Amino acid sequence: MSQPYENDVHSEYLRADLFFNMGQPIEAARVLEGVVAVEPDNQAALELLARSYFGSAQLARAEAALNRLVELSPANGWARRALARTLERQSRADEAAVHHRVADALGAD
């Protein structure tokens, strides 16, 4: 990967972060979808994408992003807790309970 390419992806991530922090999670998600398409294992981008989807009530998409994040980093307590909360918002408490227990074991808030 060449340096300009890396800078473009990083710039897009920063742009998405700005949108998210400005209260525009849908626009942030739109930008991050491109980042994750290019770098599917980018955990920072996946986390912000999941937060953007959750913040805009796109719960199925948030769940998919969080499942990918948990797959990449099973000991990520934040991702487990966020996945549990996403499942709860979809009235799937039994599935959420499993992720809450793992998050508790990992010491996540």
C-alpha atoms as a PDB file:
ATOM      1  CA  MET A   1       0.000   0.000   0.000  1.00  0.00           C
ATOM      2  CA  SER A   2       1.421   3.343  -0.965  1.00  0.00           C
ATOM      3  CA  GLN A   3       1.602   6.252   1.418  1.00  0.00           C
ATOM      4  CA  PRO A   4      -0.935   8.504  -0.394  1.00  0.00           C
ATOM      5  CA  TYR A   5      -3.491   5.701  -0.293  1.00  0.00           C
ATOM      6  CA  GLU A   6      -3.016   5.257   3.454  1.00  0.00           C
ATOM      7  CA  ASN A   7      -3.416   8.998   3.919  1.00  0.00           C
ATOM      8  CA  ASP A   8      -6.674   8.968   1.924  1.00  0.00           C
ATOM      9  CA  VAL A   9      -8.164   6.222   4.092  1.00  0.00           C
ATOM     10  CA  HIS A  10      -6.991   7.954   7.253  1.00  0.00           C
ATOM     11  CA  SER A  11      -8.398  11.279   6.036  1.00  0.00           C
ATOM     12  CA  GLU A  12     -11.750   9.630   5.358  1.00  0.00           C
ATOM     13  CA  TYR A  13     -11.733   8.125   8.854  1.00  0.00           C
ATOM     14  CA  LEU A  14     -11.029  11.538  10.372  1.00  0.00           C
ATOM     15  CA  ARG A  15     -13.797  13.075   8.259  1.00  0.00           C
ATOM     16  CA  ALA A  16     -16.226  10.428   9.500  1.00  0.00           C
ATOM     17  CA  ASP A  17     -15.136  11.049  13.091  1.00  0.00           C
ATOM     18  CA  LEU A  18     -15.861  14.736  12.596  1.00  0.00           C
ATOM     19  CA  PHE A  19     -19.335  13.983  11.234  1.00  0.00           C
ATOM     20  CA  PHE A  20     -20.018  11.678  14.170  1.00  0.00           C
ATOM     21  CA  ASN A  21     -18.879  14.253  16.708  1.00  0.00           C
ATOM     22  CA  MET A  22     -21.041  16.884  15.005  1.00  0.00           C
ATOM     23  CA  GLY A  23     -24.102  14.706  15.605  1.00  0.00           C
ATOM     24  CA  GLN A  24     -24.350  13.395  12.051  1.00  0.00           C
ATOM     25  CA  PRO A  25     -24.062   9.606  12.481  1.00  0.00           C
ATOM     26  CA  ILE A  26     -25.718   8.789   9.149  1.00  0.00           C
ATOM     27  CA  GLU A  27     -23.135  10.806   7.223  1.00  0.00           C
ATOM     28  CA  ALA A  28     -20.355   9.307   9.351  1.00  0.00           C
ATOM     29  CA  ALA A  29     -21.603   5.812   8.532  1.00  0.00           C
ATOM     30  CA  ARG A  30     -21.716   6.605   4.819  1.00  0.00           C
ATOM     31  CA  VAL A  31     -18.055   7.647   4.861  1.00  0.00           C
ATOM     32  CA  LEU A  32     -16.994   4.749   7.083  1.00  0.00           C
ATOM     33  CA  GLU A  33     -18.635   2.172   4.840  1.00  0.00           C
ATOM     34  CA  GLY A  34     -16.026   3.109   2.236  1.00  0.00           C
ATOM     35  CA  VAL A  35     -13.189   2.906   4.753  1.00  0.00           C
ATOM     36  CA  VAL A  36     -14.294  -0.528   5.977  1.00  0.00           C
ATOM     37  CA  ALA A  37     -14.752  -1.751   2.389  1.00  0.00           C
ATOM     38  CA  VAL A  38     -11.084  -0.960   1.761  1.00  0.00           C
ATOM     39  CA  GLU A  39      -9.825  -2.054   5.209  1.00  0.00           C
ATOM     40  CA  PRO A  40     -12.266  -4.675   6.559  1.00  0.00           C
ATOM     41  CA  ASP A  41     -10.029  -5.466   9.547  1.00  0.00           C
ATOM     42  CA  ASN A  42      -9.652  -1.844  10.670  1.00  0.00           C
ATOM     43  CA  GLN A  43     -10.995  -2.095  14.208  1.00  0.00           C
ATOM     44  CA  ALA A  44     -11.109   1.650  14.839  1.00  0.00           C
ATOM     45  CA  ALA A  45     -13.197   2.154  11.706  1.00  0.00           C
ATOM     46  CA  LEU A  46     -15.474  -0.759  12.598  1.00  0.00           C
ATOM     47  CA  GLU A  47     -16.035   0.634  16.078  1.00  0.00           C
ATOM     48  CA  LEU A  48     -16.908   4.093  14.799  1.00  0.00           C
ATOM     49  CA  LEU A  49     -19.115   2.539  12.113  1.00  0.00           C
ATOM     50  CA  ALA A  50     -20.970   0.521  14.761  1.00  0.00           C
ATOM     51  CA  ARG A  51     -21.376   3.633  16.924  1.00  0.00           C
ATOM     52  CA  SER A  52     -22.664   5.560  13.904  1.00  0.00           C
ATOM     53  CA  TYR A  53     -25.172   2.868  13.023  1.00  0.00           C
ATOM     54  CA  PHE A  54     -26.298   2.572  16.657  1.00  0.00           C
ATOM     55  CA  GLY A  55     -26.600   6.342  16.945  1.00  0.00           C
ATOM     56  CA  SER A  56     -28.842   6.451  13.895  1.00  0.00           C
ATOM     57  CA  ALA A  57     -30.928   3.437  15.003  1.00  0.00           C
ATOM     58  CA  GLN A  58     -29.652   1.219  12.199  1.00  0.00           C
ATOM     59  CA  LEU A  59     -29.522  -1.667  14.626  1.00  0.00           C
ATOM     60  CA  ALA A  60     -29.109  -4.580  12.208  1.00  0.00           C
ATOM     61  CA  ARG A  61     -26.124  -2.827  10.637  1.00  0.00           C
ATOM     62  CA  ALA A  62     -24.705  -1.977  14.066  1.00  0.00           C
ATOM     63  CA  GLU A  63     -25.055  -5.626  15.035  1.00  0.00           C
ATOM     64  CA  ALA A  64     -23.188  -6.748  11.895  1.00  0.00           C
ATOM     65  CA  ALA A  65     -20.335  -4.284  12.506  1.00  0.00           C
ATOM     66  CA  LEU A  66     -20.096  -5.297  16.168  1.00  0.00           C
ATOM     67  CA  ASN A  67     -20.124  -8.995  15.318  1.00  0.00           C
ATOM     68  CA  ARG A  68     -17.204  -8.377  12.953  1.00  0.00           C
ATOM     69  CA  LEU A  69     -15.388  -6.431  15.669  1.00  0.00           C
ATOM     70  CA  VAL A  70     -15.937  -9.242  18.191  1.00  0.00           C
ATOM     71  CA  GLU A  71     -14.743 -11.744  15.599  1.00  0.00           C
ATOM     72  CA  LEU A  72     -11.514  -9.758  15.138  1.00  0.00           C
ATOM     73  CA  SER A  73     -11.029  -9.114  18.865  1.00  0.00           C
ATOM     74  CA  PRO A  74     -12.995 -11.531  21.094  1.00  0.00           C
ATOM     75  CA  ALA A  75     -11.603  -9.913  24.261  1.00  0.00           C
ATOM     76  CA  ASN A  76     -12.855  -6.436  23.343  1.00  0.00           C
ATOM     77  CA  GLY A  77     -15.131  -5.753  26.294  1.00  0.00           C
ATOM     78  CA  TRP A  78     -16.483  -2.527  24.808  1.00  0.00           C
ATOM     79  CA  ALA A  79     -17.577  -4.340  21.634  1.00  0.00           C
ATOM     80  CA  ARG A  80     -19.238  -7.087  23.680  1.00  0.00           C
ATOM     81  CA  ARG A  81     -21.160  -4.552  25.783  1.00  0.00           C
ATOM     82  CA  ALA A  82     -22.173  -2.554  22.710  1.00  0.00           C
ATOM     83  CA  LEU A  83     -23.315  -5.727  20.960  1.00  0.00           C
ATOM     84  CA  ALA A  84     -25.379  -6.663  24.018  1.00  0.00           C
ATOM     85  CA  ARG A  85     -27.044  -3.247  24.076  1.00  0.00           C
ATOM     86  CA  THR A  86     -27.721  -3.433  20.349  1.00  0.00           C
ATOM     87  CA  LEU A  87     -29.373  -6.821  20.775  1.00  0.00           C
ATOM     88  CA  GLU A  88     -31.425  -5.507  23.706  1.00  0.00           C
ATOM     89  CA  ARG A  89     -32.738  -2.647  21.570  1.00  0.00           C
ATOM     90  CA  GLN A  90     -33.918  -5.296  19.136  1.00  0.00           C
ATOM     91  CA  SER A  91     -35.782  -7.135  21.959  1.00  0.00           C
ATOM     92  CA  ARG A  92     -33.269  -9.996  21.962  1.00  0.00           C
ATOM     93  CA  ALA A  93     -32.436 -10.077  25.678  1.00  0.00           C
ATOM     94  CA  ASP A  94     -31.432 -13.747  25.779  1.00  0.00           C
ATOM     95  CA  GLU A  95     -28.761 -13.218  23.132  1.00  0.00           C
ATOM     96  CA  ALA A  96     -27.668  -9.985  24.806  1.00  0.00           C
ATOM     97  CA  ALA A  97     -27.179 -11.712  28.160  1.00  0.00           C
ATOM     98  CA  VAL A  98     -24.340 -13.826  26.786  1.00  0.00           C
ATOM     99  CA  HIS A  99     -22.416 -10.757  25.646  1.00  0.00           C
ATOM    100  CA  HIS A 100     -23.128  -8.910  28.897  1.00  0.00           C
ATOM    101  CA  ARG A 101     -21.611 -11.831  30.823  1.00  0.00           C
ATOM    102  CA  VAL A 102     -18.490 -11.811  28.660  1.00  0.00           C
ATOM    103  CA  ALA A 103     -18.193  -8.022  28.972  1.00  0.00           C
ATOM    104  CA  ASP A 104     -18.544  -8.329  32.764  1.00  0.00           C
ATOM    105  CA  ALA A 105     -15.824 -11.000  32.835  1.00  0.00           C
ATOM    106  CA  LEU A 106     -13.579  -8.701  30.802  1.00  0.00           C
ATOM    107  CA  GLY A 107     -14.213  -5.829  33.217  1.00  0.00           C
ATOM    108  CA  ALA A 108     -15.963  -3.641  30.642  1.00  0.00           C
ATOM    109  CA  ASP A 109     -18.157  -0.758  31.794  1.00  0.00           C
END
